[in-house]
Amino acid sequence: MEVVGTWYSLIPPVLALVLVLLTRKVLISLGVSIVVGALMLNGFNPIDGLMQVVGIFTGIFYVDGGINDWEFYIILFLLLLGMMAALITKSGGSIAFAEWAMKRIKTRVGAQMFTIFLGFIIFIDDYFNSLTVGNISRPISDKHRVSRAKLAYLVDSTAAPMCVIAPISSWGAYIISIIGGILTAHGLSQYQAFEAFMLIIPMNYYALIAIAFMVAVALFKIDFGPMRRHEELAITTGQLTDPKSGDLPGTDGEIESHSHGKVYDLILPILGLVVGTVAAMVFTGYGEAQSASLIAIFGEADIAGSLVIGGVIGLGVALITNLIKPDNPNMFQTLWAGIKSMLPAIFILILAWIIIEIISDIGTGLFLAELVDGTIPPMLLPAIIFLIAGFTALSTGTSWGTFGLLLPIAGDMAAAVDVTLMLPMLAAVLAGAIFGDHTSPISDTTILSSAGAGSHHIDHVITQLPYAVTSAVIAFVGFIILGFTGNMWISLLLVCVIFTITVFIIKQLNNSLKKA
């Protein structure tokens, strides 16, 4: 039975999604899907399948005679961040910051807008955004009884959407480099790669709508779907997580905060983390970049290594702020509590990396890409590509992988069918990949948003889904309009009108449910 690049290649990712939704057990669901995928790849030989899984697991940490920098450093950064967050809690910095913020941020709307604002300004990298914004915002959102699921949604909806439209970010640099290759390959000289990226931004409907929808949700108190129950529970009882999901694994409730904490106990470690990470990115990227522009520098930066350097600096500052306080025992216990707080996210992340490798080997992405052939009317291509990119990212758990796979394919199709569709189709790939990233339980950004916000991962996935799907429907209509009109500004205007009407209708329905 041929499974690679066929319909059978959909079985592992679809099985993972179905099991997650049915069982709400992410680790078990991913584990079962990994076993099934490995067996399919190895002719259902259990020994060969086991050896492949072991090989993939080993490769996460060790490859080609040395440490696998990317995955190992990301895990190390998570551990450093967990210890730093625990030390901030221990020092009393979280409580002090929450008390300071409560005097200035007096409403739940304000707490949510504060989180969104942080997400807007911390756009250098999605991993960095997801974990940092969640940790900074959590004390304030907790005080105002914003559910952890809502916090995770706000964090996730600023991370990838902001990174994908920001040219000065790790995402922007990566995308611009791919676009540059596509333009060169097809001899398109009317615009450079950077200019093409900037022109694509107004057509990246999903990213723009996801950001606007998130702001509307915060300002107009629009809670629907499973999110509504989480928010009502938080407001009425103060329970920030769903008790039906059990205790949040790795919580830092065992840490007793110092009674004389100061705001700087939180600000200084976070500042050390941010400055250290950005400085390391500039330092590691400058020597490799072909030019001195920030885009080129961030494109060549060692992201994972920079996160570790920033994490070490932030942890060092947090250690100092604790050690200078009197009567502050049990430092090792605090550090261990911080490590434990990140273990659930790390376990999910490792399994997600394994299944992503299995899915890559079985050819799921290639099969989805080949579904588009020359029989589709050209004006529908942007909308179709958007859907395929969305399902590819949903199935594979990687927006970057989707970019790398589908951007060249979309470029080839546009060059062959109608070169004026080049930018709309590239925009559709970017938009679809972010949609799939937002809905995939195996997406690393989704996993890290849950970790940063202190939310149960499956609760975050399920509560975010209705918001993501609503944004995707509007984006899909937008790409249909773009395909028929060929004018990005007219299409964007109509998308804004549709979005406004949608928000109005949802708000009215929401108000009716509150009165019922």
Protein backbone atom coordinates (compact mmCIF):
# COMPACT_ATOMS: atom_id res chain seq x y z
CA MET A 1 0.00 0.00 0.00
CA GLU A 2 1.47 3.35 -1.09
CA VAL A 3 0.94 5.93 1.65
CA VAL A 4 3.48 8.68 0.91
CA GLY A 5 1.88 11.63 -0.88
CA THR A 6 -1.55 9.96 -1.15
CA TRP A 7 -4.90 10.32 0.63
CA TYR A 8 -3.52 7.99 3.29
CA SER A 9 -1.06 10.73 4.27
CA LEU A 10 -3.97 12.63 5.84
CA ILE A 11 -4.62 9.88 8.40
CA PRO A 12 -2.01 10.83 11.07
CA PRO A 13 -2.82 14.58 11.25
CA VAL A 14 -6.59 14.09 11.00
CA LEU A 15 -6.45 11.33 13.64
CA ALA A 16 -4.52 13.66 15.97
CA LEU A 17 -7.10 16.43 15.52
CA VAL A 18 -10.08 14.12 16.04
CA LEU A 19 -8.60 12.47 19.13
CA VAL A 20 -7.71 15.83 20.68
CA LEU A 21 -11.27 17.06 20.25
CA LEU A 22 -12.83 13.80 21.49
CA THR A 23 -10.55 12.99 24.42
CA ARG A 24 -9.17 16.44 25.33
CA LYS A 25 -5.93 14.56 26.09
CA VAL A 26 -3.24 16.16 23.94
CA LEU A 27 -0.34 13.89 24.89
CA ILE A 28 -2.31 10.68 24.35
CA SER A 29 -3.76 11.93 21.06
CA LEU A 30 -0.37 12.93 19.69
CA GLY A 31 1.17 9.67 20.91
CA VAL A 32 -1.42 7.53 19.15
CA SER A 33 -1.06 9.52 15.93
CA ILE A 34 2.73 9.19 16.05
CA VAL A 35 2.46 5.42 16.42
CA VAL A 36 -0.04 5.14 13.55
CA GLY A 37 2.06 7.36 11.27
CA ALA A 38 5.29 5.47 12.04
CA LEU A 39 3.60 2.13 11.38
CA MET A 40 2.21 3.38 8.05
CA LEU A 41 5.64 4.60 6.98
CA ASN A 42 7.27 1.28 7.83
CA GLY A 43 4.82 -1.20 6.33
CA PHE A 44 3.24 -1.75 9.77
CA ASN A 45 6.47 -3.25 11.08
CA PRO A 46 6.47 -2.32 14.79
CA ILE A 47 10.25 -2.63 15.23
CA ASP A 48 11.04 -0.37 12.28
CA GLY A 49 8.34 2.06 13.36
CA LEU A 50 9.74 2.22 16.89
CA MET A 51 13.25 2.79 15.58
CA GLN A 52 12.05 5.67 13.41
CA VAL A 53 10.31 7.36 16.36
CA VAL A 54 13.40 6.88 18.54
CA GLY A 55 15.54 8.33 15.76
CA ILE A 56 13.31 11.41 15.46
CA PHE A 57 13.29 11.87 19.25
CA THR A 58 17.07 11.60 19.41
CA GLY A 59 17.39 14.06 16.54
CA ILE A 60 15.55 16.70 18.58
CA PHE A 61 18.56 16.91 20.87
CA TYR A 62 21.50 15.49 18.90
CA VAL A 63 22.24 15.50 15.18
CA ASP A 64 25.30 15.22 12.91
CA GLY A 65 27.69 14.65 15.79
CA GLY A 66 26.54 17.66 17.83
CA ILE A 67 23.70 19.34 19.68
CA ASN A 68 20.61 20.18 17.61
CA ASP A 69 20.73 23.90 18.32
CA TRP A 70 17.16 24.89 17.42
CA GLU A 71 15.00 22.43 19.33
CA PHE A 72 17.42 22.03 22.24
CA TYR A 73 17.75 25.79 22.70
CA ILE A 74 13.98 26.30 22.55
CA ILE A 75 13.51 23.75 25.34
CA LEU A 76 16.35 25.36 27.32
CA PHE A 77 14.73 28.77 26.84
CA LEU A 78 11.42 27.43 28.16
CA LEU A 79 13.15 26.11 31.28
CA LEU A 80 14.99 29.40 31.79
CA LEU A 81 11.75 31.34 31.38
CA GLY A 82 9.95 29.06 33.83
CA MET A 83 12.64 29.57 36.46
CA MET A 84 12.68 33.31 35.85
CA ALA A 85 8.89 33.54 36.19
CA ALA A 86 9.04 31.53 39.43
CA LEU A 87 11.71 33.84 40.83
CA ILE A 88 9.64 36.89 39.89
CA THR A 89 6.70 35.36 41.76
CA LYS A 90 8.96 34.53 44.72
CA SER A 91 10.34 38.07 44.89
CA GLY A 92 6.81 39.50 45.09
CA GLY A 93 7.30 41.29 41.78
CA SER A 94 4.15 39.87 40.19
CA ILE A 95 1.96 40.98 43.10
CA ALA A 96 3.61 44.40 43.26
CA PHE A 97 3.21 44.91 39.52
CA ALA A 98 -0.43 43.81 39.64
CA GLU A 99 -1.13 46.21 42.50
CA TRP A 100 0.62 49.03 40.62
CA ALA A 101 -1.28 48.25 37.44
CA MET A 102 -4.62 47.92 39.26
CA LYS A 103 -4.37 51.58 40.26
CA ARG A 104 -4.06 52.51 36.59
CA ILE A 105 -5.85 49.68 34.80
CA LYS A 106 -9.22 49.60 36.47
CA THR A 107 -11.33 47.45 34.13
CA ARG A 108 -11.28 44.02 32.49
CA VAL A 109 -11.25 45.79 29.13
CA GLY A 110 -8.16 47.71 30.20
CA ALA A 111 -6.41 44.51 31.30
CA GLN A 112 -7.12 42.90 27.94
CA MET A 113 -6.05 45.97 25.98
CA PHE A 114 -2.81 46.06 27.98
CA THR A 115 -2.09 42.50 26.81
CA ILE A 116 -2.87 43.46 23.21
CA PHE A 117 -0.62 46.52 23.44
CA LEU A 118 2.28 44.40 24.65
CA GLY A 119 1.68 41.98 21.77
CA PHE A 120 1.80 44.88 19.32
CA ILE A 121 5.18 46.13 20.51
CA ILE A 122 6.88 42.75 21.10
CA PHE A 123 6.80 41.47 17.52
CA ILE A 124 10.43 40.42 17.00
CA ASP A 125 9.63 36.70 17.18
CA ASP A 126 6.48 34.65 17.81
CA TYR A 127 8.03 32.39 20.47
CA PHE A 128 9.37 35.42 22.30
CA ASN A 129 6.02 37.19 21.99
CA SER A 130 3.91 34.24 23.16
CA LEU A 131 5.88 33.56 26.33
CA THR A 132 6.87 37.09 27.32
CA VAL A 133 3.49 38.78 26.83
CA GLY A 134 1.68 36.00 28.68
CA ASN A 135 4.00 36.18 31.67
CA ILE A 136 3.88 39.98 31.92
CA SER A 137 0.11 40.23 31.50
CA ARG A 138 -0.94 37.35 33.73
CA PRO A 139 -0.82 39.18 37.11
CA ILE A 140 -3.03 41.98 35.76
CA SER A 141 -5.50 39.75 33.92
CA ASP A 142 -5.75 37.49 36.99
CA LYS A 143 -6.60 40.45 39.21
CA HIS A 144 -9.38 41.50 36.82
CA ARG A 145 -10.69 37.93 36.52
CA VAL A 146 -9.86 37.47 32.86
CA SER A 147 -9.90 33.74 32.19
CA ARG A 148 -6.62 32.10 31.26
CA ALA A 149 -8.26 30.86 28.03
CA LYS A 150 -9.06 34.47 27.05
CA LEU A 151 -5.52 35.54 27.92
CA ALA A 152 -4.08 32.75 25.77
CA TYR A 153 -6.33 33.84 22.89
CA LEU A 154 -5.15 37.45 23.17
CA VAL A 155 -1.52 36.35 23.28
CA ASP A 156 -1.85 33.96 20.34
CA SER A 157 -3.78 36.46 18.22
CA THR A 158 -1.01 39.03 18.46
CA ALA A 159 1.98 36.68 18.14
CA ALA A 160 1.84 35.18 14.62
CA PRO A 161 -0.41 37.86 13.01
CA MET A 162 1.92 40.66 14.13
CA CYS A 163 5.08 38.76 13.15
CA VAL A 164 3.75 37.93 9.67
CA ILE A 165 3.05 41.60 8.81
CA ALA A 166 6.18 43.05 10.46
CA PRO A 167 9.16 43.24 8.07
CA ILE A 168 11.58 43.73 10.96
CA SER A 169 11.01 40.36 12.60
CA SER A 170 12.31 36.82 12.28
CA TRP A 171 9.17 35.97 10.27
CA GLY A 172 9.44 39.00 8.00
CA ALA A 173 13.05 38.29 7.15
CA TYR A 174 12.29 34.63 6.38
CA ILE A 175 9.30 35.45 4.17
CA ILE A 176 11.11 38.25 2.32
CA SER A 177 13.98 35.90 1.52
CA ILE A 178 11.55 33.35 -0.01
CA ILE A 179 9.69 36.05 -1.96
CA GLY A 180 13.00 37.35 -3.32
CA GLY A 181 13.82 33.90 -4.70
CA ILE A 182 10.38 33.59 -6.30
CA LEU A 183 10.60 36.99 -8.01
CA THR A 184 14.09 36.23 -9.30
CA ALA A 185 13.08 32.78 -10.56
CA HIS A 186 10.27 34.26 -12.65
CA GLY A 187 12.15 37.34 -13.82
CA LEU A 188 9.81 39.83 -12.10
CA SER A 189 11.69 43.09 -11.69
CA GLN A 190 8.86 45.60 -11.23
CA TYR A 191 9.32 45.41 -7.46
CA GLN A 192 11.95 44.19 -5.03
CA ALA A 193 11.30 41.55 -2.37
CA PHE A 194 10.83 44.09 0.43
CA GLU A 195 8.42 46.17 -1.64
CA ALA A 196 6.47 43.02 -2.55
CA PHE A 197 6.22 42.09 1.14
CA MET A 198 4.87 45.55 2.01
CA LEU A 199 2.32 45.35 -0.82
CA ILE A 200 1.17 41.96 0.46
CA ILE A 201 0.32 43.29 3.94
CA PRO A 202 -3.05 44.89 2.95
CA MET A 203 -3.98 41.57 1.29
CA ASN A 204 -3.11 39.41 4.30
CA TYR A 205 -6.75 39.42 5.30
CA TYR A 206 -6.67 36.75 7.98
CA ALA A 207 -3.83 38.37 9.96
CA LEU A 208 -5.45 41.81 9.79
CA ILE A 209 -8.93 40.50 10.66
CA ALA A 210 -7.60 38.34 13.52
CA ILE A 211 -5.96 41.42 15.07
CA ALA A 212 -9.01 43.64 14.54
CA PHE A 213 -11.39 40.94 15.81
CA MET A 214 -9.31 40.48 18.96
CA VAL A 215 -9.50 44.22 19.67
CA ALA A 216 -13.27 44.16 19.08
CA VAL A 217 -13.65 41.15 21.40
CA ALA A 218 -11.85 43.03 24.17
CA LEU A 219 -13.58 46.39 23.68
CA PHE A 220 -17.13 45.13 23.10
CA LYS A 221 -16.96 42.13 25.46
CA ILE A 222 -17.78 39.66 22.70
CA ASP A 223 -17.55 36.18 24.22
CA PHE A 224 -19.10 33.30 22.31
CA GLY A 225 -18.62 29.60 21.92
CA PRO A 226 -16.69 27.78 24.70
CA MET A 227 -14.95 31.06 25.60
CA ARG A 228 -18.22 32.40 26.96
CA ARG A 229 -18.35 29.75 29.70
CA HIS A 230 -14.71 30.33 30.66
CA GLU A 231 -15.28 34.06 30.99
CA GLU A 232 -18.52 33.70 32.94
CA LEU A 233 -16.81 31.26 35.29
CA ALA A 234 -13.91 33.66 35.86
CA ILE A 235 -16.16 36.68 36.45
CA THR A 236 -18.69 35.02 38.74
CA THR A 237 -16.48 32.63 40.74
CA GLY A 238 -12.93 33.83 40.21
CA GLN A 239 -11.91 30.46 38.75
CA LEU A 240 -9.55 31.38 35.94
CA THR A 241 -9.32 27.86 34.51
CA ASP A 242 -12.06 25.31 33.92
CA PRO A 243 -12.25 22.96 36.94
CA LYS A 244 -13.46 20.21 34.59
CA SER A 245 -10.00 20.27 33.00
CA GLY A 246 -8.38 19.51 36.34
CA ASP A 247 -5.57 21.35 38.04
CA LEU A 248 -3.25 23.16 35.70
CA PRO A 249 -0.08 21.03 35.45
CA GLY A 250 3.03 22.69 36.79
CA THR A 251 1.37 25.68 38.43
CA ASP A 252 3.44 27.81 40.75
CA GLY A 253 0.91 27.85 43.57
CA GLU A 254 3.51 26.28 45.86
CA ILE A 255 5.64 29.45 45.65
CA GLU A 256 5.15 31.87 48.52
CA SER A 257 5.70 35.48 47.42
CA HIS A 258 7.92 37.83 49.41
CA SER A 259 5.92 40.38 51.38
CA HIS A 260 8.09 43.32 50.31
CA GLY A 261 8.07 42.91 46.56
CA LYS A 262 8.64 45.87 44.28
CA VAL A 263 7.57 46.62 40.73
CA TYR A 264 11.20 46.55 39.62
CA ASP A 265 11.38 42.89 40.75
CA LEU A 266 9.28 42.13 37.65
CA ILE A 267 10.40 44.93 35.33
CA LEU A 268 14.16 44.39 35.59
CA PRO A 269 14.20 40.64 34.73
CA ILE A 270 11.79 41.18 31.82
CA LEU A 271 13.89 44.13 30.62
CA GLY A 272 17.02 41.98 30.85
CA LEU A 273 15.25 39.26 28.84
CA VAL A 274 14.06 41.66 26.12
CA VAL A 275 17.27 43.69 25.78
CA GLY A 276 19.46 40.59 25.99
CA THR A 277 17.47 38.74 23.32
CA VAL A 278 17.30 41.64 20.86
CA ALA A 279 20.99 42.49 21.37
CA ALA A 280 21.96 38.85 20.81
CA MET A 281 19.86 38.72 17.63
CA VAL A 282 21.60 41.83 16.27
CA PHE A 283 25.03 40.49 17.28
CA THR A 284 24.52 37.02 15.78
CA GLY A 285 22.88 38.36 12.64
CA TYR A 286 25.22 41.24 11.88
CA GLY A 287 28.22 39.07 11.05
CA GLU A 288 26.22 36.91 8.62
CA ALA A 289 24.04 39.58 6.98
CA GLN A 290 24.82 40.73 3.43
CA SER A 291 23.90 44.30 4.39
CA ALA A 292 23.58 46.40 7.52
CA SER A 293 19.78 46.69 7.28
CA LEU A 294 17.73 45.43 10.20
CA ILE A 295 15.78 43.12 7.90
CA ALA A 296 18.95 41.43 6.72
CA ILE A 297 20.33 41.24 10.25
CA PHE A 298 17.18 39.67 11.71
CA GLY A 299 17.04 37.31 8.75
CA GLU A 300 20.46 35.87 9.62
CA ALA A 301 20.13 36.04 13.43
CA ASP A 302 20.40 32.92 15.56
CA ILE A 303 16.90 33.15 17.02
CA ALA A 304 17.04 30.15 19.34
CA GLY A 305 20.52 30.98 20.61
CA SER A 306 19.50 34.61 21.18
CA LEU A 307 16.47 33.49 23.21
CA VAL A 308 18.76 31.42 25.44
CA ILE A 309 21.15 34.36 25.95
CA GLY A 310 18.23 36.64 26.82
CA GLY A 311 16.81 33.96 29.11
CA VAL A 312 20.11 33.60 30.97
CA ILE A 313 20.33 37.37 31.46
CA GLY A 314 16.73 37.60 32.63
CA LEU A 315 17.22 34.67 35.01
CA GLY A 316 20.43 36.22 36.35
CA VAL A 317 18.67 39.51 37.08
CA ALA A 318 15.78 37.66 38.76
CA LEU A 319 18.27 35.75 40.94
CA ILE A 320 19.91 39.00 42.03
CA THR A 321 16.61 40.69 42.92
CA ASN A 322 15.77 37.68 45.10
CA LEU A 323 19.17 37.31 46.76
CA ILE A 324 19.30 40.93 47.90
CA LYS A 325 16.05 40.51 49.83
CA PRO A 326 16.18 39.46 53.48
CA ASP A 327 14.55 36.23 54.61
CA ASN A 328 14.21 34.68 51.17
CA PRO A 329 14.91 30.94 51.61
CA ASN A 330 14.17 27.91 49.44
CA MET A 331 15.69 29.28 46.24
CA PHE A 332 16.31 25.80 44.85
CA GLN A 333 12.70 24.85 45.57
CA THR A 334 11.60 27.95 43.66
CA LEU A 335 13.80 27.11 40.68
CA TRP A 336 12.47 23.54 40.62
CA ALA A 337 8.89 24.85 40.72
CA GLY A 338 9.72 27.01 37.70
CA ILE A 339 11.10 24.02 35.82
CA LYS A 340 8.00 21.96 36.61
CA SER A 341 5.75 24.78 35.36
CA MET A 342 7.19 24.38 31.87
CA LEU A 343 7.33 20.57 31.68
CA PRO A 344 3.76 20.11 30.34
CA ALA A 345 4.44 22.51 27.46
CA ILE A 346 7.78 20.86 26.75
CA PHE A 347 6.23 17.37 26.63
CA ILE A 348 3.56 18.56 24.18
CA LEU A 349 6.17 20.40 22.11
CA ILE A 350 8.41 17.33 21.81
CA LEU A 351 5.51 15.16 20.66
CA ALA A 352 4.43 17.89 18.25
CA TRP A 353 7.93 17.99 16.74
CA ILE A 354 7.89 14.20 16.34
CA ILE A 355 4.51 14.11 14.61
CA ILE A 356 5.52 17.04 12.38
CA GLU A 357 8.50 14.97 11.22
CA ILE A 358 6.24 11.94 10.66
CA ILE A 359 3.79 14.08 8.68
CA SER A 360 6.64 15.50 6.60
CA ASP A 361 7.93 12.00 5.78
CA ILE A 362 4.49 10.75 4.83
CA GLY A 363 4.03 13.66 2.41
CA THR A 364 0.87 15.30 3.77
CA GLY A 365 1.93 18.79 2.71
CA LEU A 366 2.94 17.72 -0.79
CA PHE A 367 -0.35 15.88 -1.29
CA LEU A 368 -2.34 18.97 -0.27
CA ALA A 369 -0.26 21.18 -2.56
CA GLU A 370 -0.89 18.90 -5.55
CA LEU A 371 -4.67 19.18 -5.12
CA VAL A 372 -4.55 22.46 -7.02
CA ASP A 373 -4.39 21.86 -10.77
CA GLY A 374 -5.02 23.88 -13.88
CA THR A 375 -8.78 23.26 -13.97
CA ILE A 376 -9.59 25.90 -11.33
CA PRO A 377 -10.72 29.34 -12.63
CA PRO A 378 -7.91 31.88 -12.06
CA MET A 379 -10.09 34.29 -10.07
CA LEU A 380 -10.72 31.56 -7.47
CA LEU A 381 -7.07 30.63 -7.02
CA PRO A 382 -6.30 33.03 -4.11
CA ALA A 383 -9.28 31.71 -2.13
CA ILE A 384 -8.42 28.06 -2.90
CA ILE A 385 -4.77 28.60 -1.98
CA PHE A 386 -5.91 30.21 1.29
CA LEU A 387 -7.90 27.08 2.19
CA ILE A 388 -5.09 24.70 1.23
CA ALA A 389 -2.53 26.72 3.20
CA GLY A 390 -4.88 26.72 6.18
CA PHE A 391 -5.39 22.97 6.14
CA THR A 392 -1.69 22.37 5.51
CA ALA A 393 -0.68 24.42 8.56
CA LEU A 394 -3.49 22.86 10.61
CA SER A 395 -2.34 19.36 9.67
CA THR A 396 1.39 19.89 9.91
CA GLY A 397 1.45 22.32 12.83
CA THR A 398 3.93 24.64 11.15
CA SER A 399 3.26 27.96 9.47
CA TRP A 400 6.93 28.34 8.48
CA GLY A 401 6.86 24.91 6.85
CA THR A 402 3.71 25.94 5.00
CA PHE A 403 5.42 29.12 3.80
CA GLY A 404 8.40 27.16 2.53
CA LEU A 405 6.22 24.59 0.78
CA LEU A 406 3.40 26.65 -0.72
CA LEU A 407 4.90 30.07 -1.47
CA PRO A 408 7.03 28.70 -4.36
CA ILE A 409 4.07 26.63 -5.62
CA ALA A 410 1.77 29.67 -5.50
CA GLY A 411 4.42 31.71 -7.32
CA ASP A 412 4.75 29.08 -10.06
CA MET A 413 0.98 28.89 -10.51
CA ALA A 414 0.61 32.68 -10.74
CA ALA A 415 3.46 32.93 -13.26
CA ALA A 416 1.86 30.22 -15.40
CA VAL A 417 -1.77 31.38 -15.19
CA ASP A 418 -1.79 35.15 -14.60
CA VAL A 419 1.22 37.05 -13.29
CA THR A 420 -1.04 39.77 -11.84
CA LEU A 421 -2.18 37.17 -9.31
CA MET A 422 1.37 36.76 -7.96
CA LEU A 423 1.02 38.97 -4.87
CA PRO A 424 -2.59 37.98 -4.07
CA MET A 425 -1.65 34.30 -4.14
CA LEU A 426 1.44 34.83 -2.00
CA ALA A 427 -0.73 36.79 0.44
CA ALA A 428 -3.25 33.93 0.49
CA VAL A 429 -0.52 31.48 1.49
CA LEU A 430 0.62 33.71 4.37
CA ALA A 431 -2.94 34.29 5.55
CA GLY A 432 -3.93 30.62 5.32
CA ALA A 433 -0.81 29.51 7.17
CA ILE A 434 -1.62 31.79 10.11
CA PHE A 435 -5.21 30.51 10.19
CA GLY A 436 -4.01 26.92 10.27
CA ASP A 437 -1.45 27.82 12.92
CA HIS A 438 -4.21 29.27 15.11
CA THR A 439 -6.40 26.19 14.88
CA SER A 440 -3.77 23.46 15.16
CA PRO A 441 -3.25 21.82 18.56
CA ILE A 442 0.24 20.76 17.45
CA SER A 443 1.36 24.28 16.47
CA ASP A 444 4.34 25.34 18.56
CA THR A 445 3.07 28.93 18.77
CA THR A 446 -0.30 27.71 20.05
CA ILE A 447 1.43 25.47 22.60
CA LEU A 448 3.66 28.29 23.81
CA SER A 449 0.74 30.75 24.01
CA SER A 450 -0.98 28.29 26.36
CA ALA A 451 2.21 28.01 28.42
CA GLY A 452 2.77 31.75 28.59
CA ALA A 453 -0.82 32.44 29.64
CA GLY A 454 -0.96 29.55 32.11
CA SER A 455 -3.90 27.96 30.32
CA HIS A 456 -4.78 24.33 29.70
CA HIS A 457 -3.61 23.77 26.14
CA ILE A 458 -6.75 22.05 24.89
CA ASP A 459 -8.93 24.75 26.47
CA HIS A 460 -6.98 27.36 24.53
CA VAL A 461 -7.36 25.45 21.26
CA ILE A 462 -11.10 24.90 21.65
CA THR A 463 -11.95 28.41 22.86
CA GLN A 464 -9.90 30.10 20.13
CA LEU A 465 -11.37 27.97 17.33
CA PRO A 466 -14.67 29.91 16.83
CA TYR A 467 -12.83 33.23 16.67
CA ALA A 468 -10.27 31.88 14.20
CA VAL A 469 -12.95 30.30 11.98
CA THR A 470 -14.99 33.52 11.96
CA SER A 471 -11.92 35.51 10.89
CA ALA A 472 -11.11 32.86 8.27
CA VAL A 473 -14.59 32.98 6.72
CA ILE A 474 -14.30 36.75 6.26
CA ALA A 475 -10.78 36.34 4.85
CA PHE A 476 -11.98 33.65 2.43
CA VAL A 477 -14.69 35.98 1.11
CA GLY A 478 -12.05 38.69 0.85
CA PHE A 479 -9.83 36.53 -1.34
CA ILE A 480 -12.78 35.71 -3.60
CA ILE A 481 -13.45 39.45 -3.98
CA LEU A 482 -9.74 40.07 -4.60
CA GLY A 483 -9.65 37.38 -7.28
CA PHE A 484 -12.59 38.91 -9.15
CA THR A 485 -11.77 42.62 -8.74
CA GLY A 486 -7.97 42.45 -8.90
CA ASN A 487 -7.89 45.63 -6.77
CA MET A 488 -6.47 45.18 -3.27
CA TRP A 489 -7.84 48.48 -1.92
CA ILE A 490 -11.41 47.88 -3.06
CA SER A 491 -11.19 44.34 -1.69
CA LEU A 492 -9.79 45.57 1.64
CA LEU A 493 -12.56 48.15 1.92
CA LEU A 494 -15.23 45.49 1.32
CA VAL A 495 -13.52 43.17 3.81
CA CYS A 496 -13.67 45.96 6.41
CA VAL A 497 -17.39 46.42 5.73
CA ILE A 498 -18.04 42.67 6.07
CA PHE A 499 -15.97 42.57 9.26
CA THR A 500 -17.90 45.50 10.77
CA ILE A 501 -21.25 43.90 9.97
CA THR A 502 -20.08 40.57 11.41
CA VAL A 503 -18.94 42.17 14.67
CA PHE A 504 -22.25 44.04 14.95
CA ILE A 505 -24.29 40.86 14.43
CA ILE A 506 -22.22 38.83 16.90
CA LYS A 507 -22.45 41.62 19.48
CA GLN A 508 -26.24 41.78 19.11
CA LEU A 509 -26.52 37.99 19.47
CA ASN A 510 -24.21 38.14 22.46
CA ASN A 511 -26.37 40.78 24.13
CA SER A 512 -29.48 38.70 23.47
CA LEU A 513 -27.91 35.68 25.16
CA LYS A 514 -27.00 37.78 28.20
CA LYS A 515 -30.61 38.95 28.56
CA ALA A 516 -32.02 35.44 28.14
